[in-house]
Amino acid sequence: MSLLNIMNVGKSALFANQAALNVTGHNIANVSTPGYTRQEVILEIATPAANSAGYLGRGVTVAGVQRSYARFIEGQLLGQEQSLGKSTAMDEVLSQVEQVFNDSAGLGLSDSLLAFFDSWGSLSADPDDTARRTVLLSDAESLVSTAKQMETDLLETIGEINDEISDLVGKVNTIARKISSLNEEIAKIEGGKSGATANDLRDTRGSLLTELGKLVELRTLEDADGSLTVMVGMRNLVAGTRVNEMTTTADASGNPRIRIEGIDVTSRIDKGRLSGLIDSRTAIEAGPLMQLRKLAASMTVEINRIHSAGFGLDGSTGNDFFTALTLSSADSSDGAEVSSATITDPNALTLSEYDIAIGAAGAYTVTNRETGATVQTGTFSSGSAIAFEGISVTLTGTVAAGDSFSLSPLAGAVSNFAVALSGTNRIAAASSAASLPGDNTNALRLAALADTGVPTLGNATFSGYYAGIVSSVGSMAADASDLRTFDANLQSELAGQRDSASGVNLDEEATNLIVYQRGFEAAARLISVADELIQTVLAL
């Protein structure tokens, strides 16, 4: 082996240990950087050189810098981040809804319901007393005000959810664009002939995927050039350098629906914060909001039914105590509309919501939205009334297959909830004009409603039905809290496994520093010795 070869061996060792020291320092510098994956230098024996004595070593070469990337654990952790994002959102929203029904703090409807029916009982003891009649109207106004405030709080929560959904869609698009940009950079580095790996860029992209996974459920597929395809709702959000941005469109209720490439993917998003917000919104609308409206509607119908049959101190009869229910309607049709929708018989109402679907040749089907049962079928005729279950609706125009119309006696049940009486003398405590004054029989019937099962509420009493709403909300909130705790614990466990497999251990890096420092010093000493030998030869 020539003296110059000895120097080359020392140089290779010097460069190799220098590279190892650089990587070790890089690891130490990023010990607290989220998403950073520990790196290590891969050293290989340099190709030996042949001479008359055989093959002699030529030192060491740096084959590359490798990430300590645990693909399985990273995949599990990304999936758990998506689950935690959903459960966190649901816990936050439903705990807020729970406060709306916090009767223990006097925020719910229980006290108002109790006071209202107690006032009817008090009035029955002295049906001509003006003070008791005034208290009854005051308690009725308090009941109405509380119900309205509860609905307002629920609707504000839904509004906040919708605002956040729109904001998160913007964040998703921003992250998608960043991933697309990184895809381009990684493909340039790894697609070349150098065989290099864009470790730090991959870590940055991995952090973005984690951030994206907290927001929305995703799937990934890595291409041959190192770029990544990111799929959301079975559509490509990112495909190499192309981004198909999310958009939102409002549905009939004003709620944003999520689209990618023009396709509605709302129902296909099962994880992430977006999914948690969407599911929470659905739970509120189909649960406490609809139930609160149904309670108000049922009270309106039942109390008006008895009250209108009674007589006030002024001898008047047929007076509703609460403002009568009205129907709300909406249509999804280019050629037809709901021209009228009225309640023809309040006592025949089931307090359900309905959909009218138009099929071939103008055939229509009326469906109970809650039960899915078919209520009525027929053939559309413009201007002809469709009557069912105390409701009459008239459609006018030209229908086409696929058109739909919706009807609801509940949508305005709370917003229109109000005391309809103009004065205390119209409170119908008596059952006949002939028995005035002093007749309390109608007041007794109304007081007895507090303990009477109501068919439209599943034969529950008003208080019992409301207690069921409170219990259901509490159960949903507790389940969401428990799920969030479970997901957080599992995420923490997976994060620990990830750190163990891929994170930076300062003790290990300190040991590596000493090893590579000694190697560097030994290589430098070898070069120095070779130099001294060459100088000796040259001096001969």
Protein backbone atom coordinates (compact mmCIF):
# COMPACT_ATOMS: atom_id res chain seq x y z
CA MET A 1 0.00 0.00 0.00
CA SER A 2 1.42 3.40 -0.99
CA LEU A 3 1.78 6.23 1.47
CA LEU A 4 -0.73 8.24 -0.54
CA ASN A 5 -3.26 5.40 -0.15
CA ILE A 6 -2.74 5.52 3.61
CA MET A 7 -3.55 9.21 3.48
CA ASN A 8 -6.67 8.49 1.38
CA VAL A 9 -7.81 5.91 3.93
CA GLY A 10 -7.37 8.50 6.67
CA LYS A 11 -9.22 11.08 4.58
CA SER A 12 -12.17 8.73 4.05
CA ALA A 13 -12.34 8.07 7.78
CA LEU A 14 -12.09 11.79 8.47
CA PHE A 15 -14.96 12.62 6.10
CA ALA A 16 -17.09 9.73 7.34
CA ASN A 17 -16.76 10.70 10.99
CA GLN A 18 -17.30 14.33 10.10
CA ALA A 19 -20.56 13.41 8.35
CA ALA A 20 -21.57 11.30 11.36
CA LEU A 21 -20.82 14.23 13.69
CA ASN A 22 -22.95 16.53 11.49
CA VAL A 23 -25.89 14.11 11.57
CA THR A 24 -25.54 13.63 15.34
CA GLY A 25 -25.53 17.39 15.83
CA HIS A 26 -28.59 17.65 13.59
CA ASN A 27 -30.36 15.07 15.76
CA ILE A 28 -29.48 16.95 18.95
CA ALA A 29 -30.62 20.26 17.49
CA ASN A 30 -34.04 18.74 16.64
CA VAL A 31 -34.56 16.83 19.88
CA SER A 32 -37.71 18.90 20.59
CA THR A 33 -38.88 19.40 17.01
CA PRO A 34 -42.35 17.84 16.51
CA GLY A 35 -42.38 15.15 13.82
CA TYR A 36 -38.60 14.93 13.53
CA THR A 37 -37.27 11.44 12.85
CA ARG A 38 -33.84 10.48 14.13
CA GLN A 39 -31.24 10.10 11.39
CA GLU A 40 -28.06 8.05 11.22
CA VAL A 41 -25.17 7.80 8.80
CA ILE A 42 -24.88 4.50 6.96
CA LEU A 43 -21.21 3.60 6.59
CA GLU A 44 -19.92 1.02 4.11
CA ILE A 45 -16.53 -0.51 3.47
CA ALA A 46 -14.93 1.17 0.48
CA THR A 47 -14.23 -1.05 -2.54
CA PRO A 48 -10.79 -2.61 -1.94
CA ALA A 49 -7.94 -2.03 -4.37
CA ALA A 50 -6.05 -4.90 -6.02
CA ASN A 51 -2.24 -5.03 -6.00
CA SER A 52 0.50 -7.63 -6.10
CA ALA A 53 -0.18 -8.55 -2.49
CA GLY A 54 -3.91 -9.05 -3.05
CA TYR A 55 -6.79 -6.73 -2.18
CA LEU A 56 -6.09 -3.97 0.28
CA GLY A 57 -8.72 -1.79 1.98
CA ARG A 58 -9.38 1.75 0.87
CA GLY A 59 -11.15 2.92 3.99
CA VAL A 60 -14.82 3.80 4.52
CA THR A 61 -17.52 5.51 2.49
CA VAL A 62 -20.81 7.17 3.45
CA ALA A 63 -23.59 5.20 1.76
CA GLY A 64 -26.31 7.61 2.86
CA VAL A 65 -28.24 9.12 5.73
CA GLN A 66 -31.16 7.00 6.90
CA ARG A 67 -34.29 7.96 8.86
CA SER A 68 -35.28 5.71 11.75
CA TYR A 69 -38.80 5.59 10.35
CA ALA A 70 -41.21 3.02 11.84
CA ARG A 71 -43.84 2.88 9.11
CA PHE A 72 -46.35 0.75 11.01
CA ILE A 73 -46.24 2.86 14.18
CA GLU A 74 -46.42 6.08 12.16
CA GLY A 75 -49.49 4.76 10.34
CA GLN A 76 -51.16 3.79 13.61
CA LEU A 77 -50.35 7.15 15.14
CA LEU A 78 -51.73 9.06 12.15
CA GLY A 79 -54.96 7.06 12.35
CA GLN A 80 -55.24 7.76 16.07
CA GLU A 81 -54.68 11.48 15.53
CA GLN A 82 -57.73 11.39 13.26
CA SER A 83 -59.80 9.61 15.91
CA LEU A 84 -58.66 12.02 18.61
CA GLY A 85 -59.50 15.00 16.41
CA LYS A 86 -63.07 13.75 16.07
CA SER A 87 -63.63 12.85 19.72
CA THR A 88 -62.12 16.15 20.88
CA ALA A 89 -64.50 18.15 18.69
CA MET A 90 -67.53 16.15 19.85
CA ASP A 91 -66.54 16.49 23.50
CA GLU A 92 -66.15 20.26 23.17
CA VAL A 93 -69.47 20.73 21.38
CA LEU A 94 -71.60 18.34 23.42
CA SER A 95 -70.25 19.61 26.74
CA GLN A 96 -71.42 23.06 25.59
CA VAL A 97 -74.86 21.67 24.71
CA GLU A 98 -75.02 19.98 28.11
CA GLN A 99 -74.79 23.41 29.76
CA VAL A 100 -77.93 24.51 27.90
CA PHE A 101 -79.82 21.76 29.73
CA ASN A 102 -78.06 22.29 33.07
CA ASP A 103 -81.17 22.22 35.27
CA SER A 104 -79.06 21.86 38.40
CA ALA A 105 -77.86 25.42 37.77
CA GLY A 106 -81.37 26.64 36.97
CA LEU A 107 -80.61 26.99 33.26
CA GLY A 108 -83.06 24.41 31.93
CA LEU A 109 -86.80 24.15 31.49
CA SER A 110 -87.74 22.03 34.52
CA ASP A 111 -88.41 24.91 36.92
CA SER A 112 -90.42 26.81 34.32
CA LEU A 113 -92.55 23.75 33.51
CA LEU A 114 -93.20 23.09 37.18
CA ALA A 115 -94.11 26.71 37.90
CA PHE A 116 -96.45 26.88 34.89
CA PHE A 117 -98.54 23.86 35.87
CA ASP A 118 -98.43 24.81 39.56
CA SER A 119 -99.99 28.13 38.56
CA TRP A 120 -102.89 26.29 36.91
CA GLY A 121 -103.33 24.33 40.13
CA SER A 122 -103.23 27.53 42.15
CA LEU A 123 -105.78 29.16 39.83
CA SER A 124 -108.12 26.19 40.21
CA ALA A 125 -108.29 26.95 43.95
CA ASP A 126 -109.61 30.46 43.23
CA PRO A 127 -110.47 30.74 39.52
CA ASP A 128 -111.70 34.36 39.73
CA ASP A 129 -108.61 35.77 41.45
CA THR A 130 -106.88 38.34 39.22
CA ALA A 131 -103.55 38.03 41.01
CA ARG A 132 -103.41 34.28 40.38
CA ARG A 133 -104.31 34.82 36.75
CA THR A 134 -101.51 37.39 36.45
CA VAL A 135 -99.02 34.97 37.99
CA LEU A 136 -100.15 32.28 35.53
CA LEU A 137 -99.50 34.54 32.54
CA SER A 138 -96.14 35.56 34.01
CA ASP A 139 -95.13 31.92 34.48
CA ALA A 140 -96.28 31.15 30.92
CA GLU A 141 -94.14 34.01 29.60
CA SER A 142 -91.20 32.71 31.62
CA LEU A 143 -91.71 29.22 30.14
CA VAL A 144 -91.80 30.69 26.63
CA SER A 145 -88.73 32.85 27.25
CA THR A 146 -86.71 29.94 28.62
CA ALA A 147 -87.61 27.68 25.70
CA LYS A 148 -86.69 30.41 23.21
CA GLN A 149 -83.36 31.05 24.92
CA MET A 150 -82.54 27.33 24.90
CA GLU A 151 -83.31 27.09 21.19
CA THR A 152 -81.22 30.22 20.54
CA ASP A 153 -78.29 28.70 22.41
CA LEU A 154 -78.54 25.48 20.38
CA LEU A 155 -78.80 27.37 17.10
CA GLU A 156 -75.82 29.54 18.04
CA THR A 157 -73.84 26.38 18.73
CA ILE A 158 -74.79 25.04 15.30
CA GLY A 159 -73.81 28.39 13.77
CA GLU A 160 -70.42 28.22 15.49
CA ILE A 161 -69.98 24.68 14.19
CA ASN A 162 -70.75 25.79 10.65
CA ASP A 163 -68.34 28.71 10.91
CA GLU A 164 -65.58 26.42 12.12
CA ILE A 165 -66.28 23.90 9.36
CA SER A 166 -65.77 26.66 6.79
CA ASP A 167 -62.56 27.76 8.55
CA LEU A 168 -61.24 24.19 8.69
CA VAL A 169 -61.89 23.69 4.99
CA GLY A 170 -59.59 26.66 4.36
CA LYS A 171 -56.94 25.15 6.66
CA VAL A 172 -57.20 21.80 4.87
CA ASN A 173 -56.60 23.52 1.53
CA THR A 174 -53.61 25.42 2.92
CA ILE A 175 -52.02 22.21 4.22
CA ALA A 176 -52.79 20.45 0.93
CA ARG A 177 -50.94 23.13 -1.01
CA LYS A 178 -47.92 22.81 1.29
CA ILE A 179 -47.88 19.02 0.82
CA SER A 180 -48.08 19.50 -2.94
CA SER A 181 -45.09 21.87 -2.83
CA LEU A 182 -43.10 19.37 -0.75
CA ASN A 183 -44.05 16.60 -3.16
CA GLU A 184 -42.39 18.57 -5.93
CA GLU A 185 -39.21 19.16 -3.93
CA ILE A 186 -38.96 15.56 -2.75
CA ALA A 187 -39.49 14.23 -6.26
CA LYS A 188 -36.68 16.46 -7.57
CA ILE A 189 -34.24 15.22 -4.91
CA GLU A 190 -35.15 11.54 -4.90
CA GLY A 191 -35.93 11.25 -8.58
CA GLY A 192 -32.37 12.16 -9.61
CA LYS A 193 -29.42 9.87 -10.21
CA SER A 194 -27.80 10.67 -6.86
CA GLY A 195 -30.05 8.26 -4.99
CA ALA A 196 -30.41 10.83 -2.19
CA THR A 197 -33.31 10.75 0.26
CA ALA A 198 -35.02 13.99 1.29
CA ASN A 199 -35.17 13.07 4.96
CA ASP A 200 -35.93 16.49 6.42
CA LEU A 201 -38.49 17.28 3.74
CA ARG A 202 -40.18 13.94 4.41
CA ASP A 203 -40.32 14.79 8.12
CA THR A 204 -41.87 18.16 7.32
CA ARG A 205 -44.42 16.47 5.07
CA GLY A 206 -45.14 13.92 7.78
CA SER A 207 -45.84 16.72 10.27
CA LEU A 208 -48.24 18.28 7.77
CA LEU A 209 -50.00 14.93 7.34
CA THR A 210 -50.39 14.71 11.12
CA GLU A 211 -51.81 18.22 11.20
CA LEU A 212 -54.15 17.34 8.34
CA GLY A 213 -55.17 14.09 10.04
CA LYS A 214 -56.33 16.02 13.08
CA LEU A 215 -58.76 17.84 10.81
CA VAL A 216 -60.02 15.18 8.41
CA GLU A 217 -59.85 11.46 7.68
CA LEU A 218 -57.28 10.68 5.00
CA ARG A 219 -55.54 7.90 3.14
CA THR A 220 -52.12 8.16 1.50
CA LEU A 221 -50.31 6.42 -1.36
CA GLU A 222 -46.63 7.05 -2.10
CA ASP A 223 -45.61 7.20 -5.74
CA ALA A 224 -42.34 5.88 -7.18
CA ASP A 225 -40.77 9.34 -7.25
CA GLY A 226 -41.44 9.87 -3.53
CA SER A 227 -44.42 12.19 -3.97
CA LEU A 228 -47.60 11.46 -2.07
CA THR A 229 -51.24 11.11 -3.08
CA VAL A 230 -53.60 12.17 -0.28
CA MET A 231 -57.20 10.96 -0.49
CA VAL A 232 -60.11 12.40 1.48
CA GLY A 233 -63.63 11.04 1.15
CA MET A 234 -62.48 8.68 -1.63
CA ARG A 235 -61.34 11.66 -3.71
CA ASN A 236 -57.82 12.92 -4.39
CA LEU A 237 -57.15 16.01 -2.31
CA VAL A 238 -53.47 15.99 -3.37
CA ALA A 239 -52.10 14.06 -6.32
CA GLY A 240 -48.41 14.80 -6.77
CA THR A 241 -48.23 18.53 -7.41
CA ARG A 242 -51.96 18.92 -8.13
CA VAL A 243 -54.38 20.03 -5.43
CA ASN A 244 -58.14 19.51 -5.70
CA GLU A 245 -59.26 22.01 -3.10
CA MET A 246 -62.19 21.44 -0.78
CA THR A 247 -65.23 23.66 -1.24
CA THR A 248 -68.47 24.10 0.67
CA THR A 249 -72.06 24.55 -0.45
CA ALA A 250 -75.05 25.21 1.79
CA ASP A 251 -77.85 22.64 2.03
CA ALA A 252 -81.54 23.45 2.53
CA SER A 253 -80.92 24.07 6.24
CA GLY A 254 -78.02 26.41 5.57
CA ASN A 255 -75.45 23.90 6.78
CA PRO A 256 -72.22 23.68 4.76
CA ARG A 257 -71.65 20.50 2.76
CA ILE A 258 -68.10 19.54 1.80
CA ARG A 259 -67.15 18.88 -1.81
CA ILE A 260 -64.01 17.77 -3.62
CA GLU A 261 -63.94 17.92 -7.42
CA GLY A 262 -67.64 18.81 -7.27
CA ILE A 263 -68.51 15.58 -5.41
CA ASP A 264 -70.22 15.78 -2.00
CA VAL A 265 -67.94 13.87 0.40
CA THR A 266 -69.54 15.00 3.67
CA SER A 267 -70.90 11.57 4.54
CA ARG A 268 -67.60 9.88 3.65
CA ILE A 269 -65.57 11.75 6.26
CA ASP A 270 -65.59 9.55 9.36
CA LYS A 271 -62.67 10.91 11.39
CA GLY A 272 -60.87 14.13 12.17
CA ARG A 273 -62.20 17.34 13.67
CA LEU A 274 -64.38 18.00 10.63
CA SER A 275 -66.17 14.70 11.14
CA GLY A 276 -66.61 15.45 14.85
CA LEU A 277 -68.18 18.81 14.07
CA ILE A 278 -70.48 17.35 11.40
CA ASP A 279 -71.59 14.48 13.66
CA SER A 280 -72.11 16.87 16.60
CA ARG A 281 -74.25 19.12 14.43
CA THR A 282 -76.35 16.14 13.31
CA ALA A 283 -76.68 14.94 16.91
CA ILE A 284 -77.92 18.36 18.04
CA GLU A 285 -80.38 18.80 15.18
CA ALA A 286 -81.82 15.29 15.42
CA GLY A 287 -81.64 15.17 19.22
CA PRO A 288 -82.15 18.03 21.69
CA LEU A 289 -83.13 20.70 19.14
CA MET A 290 -85.83 18.58 17.50
CA GLN A 291 -86.98 17.25 20.89
CA LEU A 292 -87.22 20.74 22.41
CA ARG A 293 -89.29 21.86 19.44
CA LYS A 294 -91.48 18.79 19.73
CA LEU A 295 -92.05 19.51 23.43
CA ALA A 296 -93.09 23.11 22.67
CA ALA A 297 -95.32 21.98 19.79
CA SER A 298 -96.97 19.33 21.93
CA MET A 299 -97.61 21.80 24.75
CA THR A 300 -99.11 24.24 22.26
CA VAL A 301 -101.48 21.63 20.82
CA GLU A 302 -102.53 19.99 24.09
CA ILE A 303 -103.02 23.17 26.11
CA ASN A 304 -104.82 24.95 23.27
CA ARG A 305 -107.08 21.92 22.80
CA ILE A 306 -108.37 22.11 26.38
CA HIS A 307 -108.15 25.87 26.81
CA SER A 308 -110.10 26.70 23.65
CA ALA A 309 -112.98 24.53 24.87
CA GLY A 310 -113.23 26.52 28.10
CA PHE A 311 -114.59 29.97 28.99
CA GLY A 312 -112.93 33.07 30.32
CA LEU A 313 -114.31 35.43 32.95
CA ASP A 314 -115.52 37.62 30.09
CA GLY A 315 -117.55 34.71 28.72
CA SER A 316 -115.35 34.29 25.66
CA THR A 317 -114.47 30.84 24.35
CA GLY A 318 -112.44 29.29 21.52
CA ASN A 319 -109.34 31.19 22.63
CA ASP A 320 -105.91 29.58 22.16
CA PHE A 321 -103.64 29.96 25.16
CA PHE A 322 -100.45 29.73 23.05
CA THR A 323 -100.00 30.96 19.46
CA ALA A 324 -101.19 28.19 17.12
CA LEU A 325 -98.63 26.04 15.29
CA THR A 326 -97.73 26.81 11.69
CA LEU A 327 -96.12 24.71 8.98
CA SER A 328 -92.69 25.37 7.52
CA SER A 329 -91.90 24.13 4.02
CA ALA A 330 -88.99 23.90 1.62
CA ASP A 331 -88.69 22.64 -1.93
CA SER A 332 -86.02 21.16 -4.14
CA SER A 333 -87.57 21.65 -7.56
CA ASP A 334 -86.97 23.85 -10.58
CA GLY A 335 -90.57 23.90 -11.75
CA ALA A 336 -92.83 23.58 -8.73
CA GLU A 337 -93.26 25.06 -5.28
CA VAL A 338 -95.31 24.75 -2.11
CA SER A 339 -98.01 27.38 -2.63
CA SER A 340 -99.78 26.68 0.65
CA ALA A 341 -99.25 24.52 3.71
CA THR A 342 -101.73 24.63 6.57
CA ILE A 343 -102.66 22.69 9.68
CA THR A 344 -106.30 21.70 9.22
CA ASP A 345 -106.70 19.73 12.46
CA PRO A 346 -104.19 20.29 15.29
CA ASN A 347 -105.60 17.32 17.18
CA ALA A 348 -104.75 14.98 14.29
CA LEU A 349 -101.09 16.04 14.16
CA THR A 350 -98.43 13.47 14.93
CA LEU A 351 -95.85 16.28 15.24
CA SER A 352 -93.65 14.56 12.69
CA GLU A 353 -91.74 16.07 9.79
CA TYR A 354 -92.49 14.89 6.25
CA ASP A 355 -90.86 14.60 2.85
CA ILE A 356 -92.81 14.52 -0.41
CA ALA A 357 -90.83 12.77 -3.15
CA ILE A 358 -91.83 12.93 -6.81
CA GLY A 359 -91.30 9.84 -8.94
CA ALA A 360 -92.03 8.87 -12.52
CA ALA A 361 -95.16 10.24 -14.21
CA GLY A 362 -95.81 12.62 -11.30
CA ALA A 363 -96.34 9.90 -8.72
CA TYR A 364 -95.71 11.23 -5.21
CA THR A 365 -94.92 9.60 -1.90
CA VAL A 366 -95.31 11.27 1.49
CA THR A 367 -92.86 9.86 4.02
CA ASN A 368 -92.54 10.37 7.75
CA ARG A 369 -88.94 11.56 8.10
CA GLU A 370 -88.51 10.21 11.62
CA THR A 371 -89.91 6.70 11.11
CA GLY A 372 -89.38 6.32 7.37
CA ALA A 373 -92.99 5.11 7.04
CA THR A 374 -95.03 5.94 3.94
CA VAL A 375 -97.93 8.16 4.95
CA GLN A 376 -99.65 8.63 1.60
CA THR A 377 -99.18 8.09 -2.13
CA GLY A 378 -100.88 9.57 -5.17
CA THR A 379 -100.39 11.37 -8.47
CA PHE A 380 -99.44 15.03 -8.57
CA SER A 381 -101.94 17.54 -9.88
CA SER A 382 -100.94 21.19 -9.80
CA GLY A 383 -103.09 23.15 -7.37
CA SER A 384 -104.71 20.08 -5.84
CA ALA A 385 -104.37 19.70 -2.07
CA ILE A 386 -102.57 16.73 -0.55
CA ALA A 387 -104.11 16.05 2.87
CA PHE A 388 -102.78 13.76 5.60
CA GLU A 389 -102.57 13.62 9.41
CA GLY A 390 -104.08 17.04 10.04
CA ILE A 391 -102.07 18.73 7.29
CA SER A 392 -103.01 20.08 3.88
CA VAL A 393 -100.36 21.07 1.37
CA THR A 394 -100.77 22.38 -2.16
CA LEU A 395 -98.05 22.14 -4.81
CA THR A 396 -98.25 24.23 -7.94
CA GLY A 397 -96.20 24.21 -11.10
CA THR A 398 -94.57 21.41 -13.07
CA VAL A 399 -92.81 18.62 -11.21
CA ALA A 400 -90.10 16.28 -12.44
CA ALA A 401 -88.89 12.94 -11.19
CA GLY A 402 -86.44 13.52 -8.36
CA ASP A 403 -88.12 16.69 -7.06
CA SER A 404 -88.72 16.79 -3.33
CA PHE A 405 -90.58 18.96 -0.82
CA SER A 406 -90.38 19.02 2.97
CA LEU A 407 -92.93 19.97 5.61
CA SER A 408 -92.41 20.57 9.31
CA PRO A 409 -94.74 21.62 12.13
CA LEU A 410 -91.67 21.72 14.41
CA ALA A 411 -89.28 24.15 12.70
CA GLY A 412 -91.08 27.22 14.11
CA ALA A 413 -92.56 25.59 17.19
CA VAL A 414 -90.20 27.39 19.58
CA SER A 415 -89.48 30.56 17.60
CA ASN A 416 -93.26 31.17 17.28
CA PHE A 417 -93.98 29.96 20.83
CA ALA A 418 -95.86 32.77 22.55
CA VAL A 419 -98.78 33.48 24.90
CA ALA A 420 -101.75 34.35 22.69
CA LEU A 421 -104.11 35.77 25.33
CA SER A 422 -104.60 39.52 25.46
CA GLY A 423 -105.63 39.69 29.11
CA THR A 424 -106.27 37.76 32.31
CA ASN A 425 -110.06 37.69 31.82
CA ARG A 426 -109.61 35.46 28.75
CA ILE A 427 -107.92 32.68 30.73
CA ALA A 428 -110.44 29.85 30.38
CA ALA A 429 -110.66 28.35 33.86
CA ALA A 430 -114.35 27.47 33.47
CA SER A 431 -115.92 24.73 31.39
CA SER A 432 -119.15 26.55 30.63
CA ALA A 433 -120.45 30.12 30.51
CA ALA A 434 -123.40 29.19 32.71
CA SER A 435 -121.18 28.29 35.63
CA LEU A 436 -119.31 31.63 35.71
CA PRO A 437 -118.00 32.92 38.03
CA GLY A 438 -116.36 30.35 40.31
CA ASP A 439 -116.04 27.46 37.84
CA ASN A 440 -112.57 25.83 38.00
CA THR A 441 -113.17 22.63 36.05
CA ASN A 442 -111.20 23.66 32.96
CA ALA A 443 -108.33 24.92 35.11
CA LEU A 444 -108.26 21.51 36.82
CA ARG A 445 -108.08 19.78 33.43
CA LEU A 446 -105.15 21.97 32.43
CA ALA A 447 -103.38 21.41 35.76
CA ALA A 448 -103.87 17.65 35.31
CA LEU A 449 -101.91 17.79 32.04
CA ALA A 450 -98.74 17.93 34.14
CA ASP A 451 -99.28 14.26 35.05
CA THR A 452 -100.90 13.07 31.82
CA GLY A 453 -99.11 11.03 29.17
CA VAL A 454 -99.09 12.76 25.78
CA PRO A 455 -99.41 10.50 22.68
CA THR A 456 -97.22 12.72 20.48
CA LEU A 457 -94.48 12.44 23.11
CA GLY A 458 -94.62 8.66 23.26
CA ASN A 459 -97.15 8.85 26.14
CA ALA A 460 -94.61 10.60 28.35
CA THR A 461 -95.61 13.57 30.46
CA PHE A 462 -94.20 16.97 29.56
CA SER A 463 -91.79 16.87 32.48
CA GLY A 464 -90.91 13.24 31.82
CA TYR A 465 -90.21 13.95 28.16
CA TYR A 466 -88.02 16.91 29.06
CA ALA A 467 -86.19 14.80 31.64
CA GLY A 468 -85.51 12.31 28.85
CA ILE A 469 -83.96 15.10 26.74
CA VAL A 470 -81.73 16.12 29.65
CA SER A 471 -80.72 12.53 30.26
CA SER A 472 -79.97 11.95 26.57
CA VAL A 473 -77.84 15.09 26.34
CA GLY A 474 -75.95 14.14 29.50
CA SER A 475 -75.35 10.65 28.16
CA MET A 476 -74.07 11.97 24.81
CA ALA A 477 -71.74 14.41 26.56
CA ALA A 478 -70.43 11.73 28.93
CA ASP A 479 -69.85 9.28 26.08
CA ALA A 480 -67.97 11.95 24.11
CA SER A 481 -65.82 12.79 27.14
CA ASP A 482 -65.01 9.13 27.78
CA LEU A 483 -64.15 8.56 24.12
CA ARG A 484 -61.89 11.60 24.09
CA THR A 485 -60.07 10.33 27.18
CA PHE A 486 -59.64 6.90 25.60
CA ASP A 487 -58.39 8.34 22.31
CA ALA A 488 -56.01 10.72 24.10
CA ASN A 489 -54.53 7.88 26.15
CA LEU A 490 -54.09 5.67 23.10
CA GLN A 491 -52.56 8.54 21.14
CA SER A 492 -50.13 9.19 23.99
CA GLU A 493 -49.16 5.51 24.07
CA LEU A 494 -48.56 5.42 20.31
CA ALA A 495 -46.62 8.69 20.48
CA GLY A 496 -44.42 7.10 23.14
CA GLN A 497 -43.78 4.09 20.92
CA ARG A 498 -43.01 6.38 18.03
CA ASP A 499 -40.52 8.39 20.12
CA SER A 500 -38.90 5.17 21.29
CA ALA A 501 -38.47 3.93 17.74
CA SER A 502 -37.85 7.17 15.87
CA GLY A 503 -37.23 9.93 18.38
CA VAL A 504 -33.92 11.42 19.49
CA ASN A 505 -32.36 10.02 22.67
CA LEU A 506 -29.85 12.53 24.03
CA ASP A 507 -27.91 9.87 25.95
CA GLU A 508 -27.42 7.84 22.77
CA GLU A 509 -26.45 10.93 20.81
CA ALA A 510 -23.94 11.97 23.50
CA THR A 511 -22.34 8.53 23.25
CA ASN A 512 -22.25 8.81 19.46
CA LEU A 513 -20.58 12.20 19.74
CA ILE A 514 -17.73 10.68 21.74
CA VAL A 515 -17.38 7.73 19.35
CA TYR A 516 -17.33 9.87 16.22
CA GLN A 517 -15.06 12.44 17.85
CA ARG A 518 -12.54 9.75 18.67
CA GLY A 519 -12.84 8.36 15.15
CA PHE A 520 -12.29 11.82 13.71
CA GLU A 521 -9.26 12.38 15.91
CA ALA A 522 -7.81 8.97 14.97
CA ALA A 523 -8.34 9.68 11.26
CA ALA A 524 -6.63 13.03 11.62
CA ARG A 525 -3.74 11.32 13.41
CA LEU A 526 -3.49 8.75 10.60
CA ILE A 527 -3.27 11.52 8.02
CA SER A 528 -0.62 13.25 10.14
CA VAL A 529 1.44 10.06 10.35
CA ALA A 530 1.15 9.50 6.60
CA ASP A 531 2.28 13.06 6.02
CA GLU A 532 5.30 12.58 8.28
CA LEU A 533 6.22 9.39 6.41
CA ILE A 534 5.94 11.15 3.05
CA GLN A 535 8.16 13.98 4.31
CA THR A 536 10.71 11.41 5.49
CA VAL A 537 10.72 9.73 2.08
CA LEU A 538 11.10 13.06 0.33
CA ALA A 539 14.05 13.95 2.55
CA LEU A 540 16.01 10.84 1.55
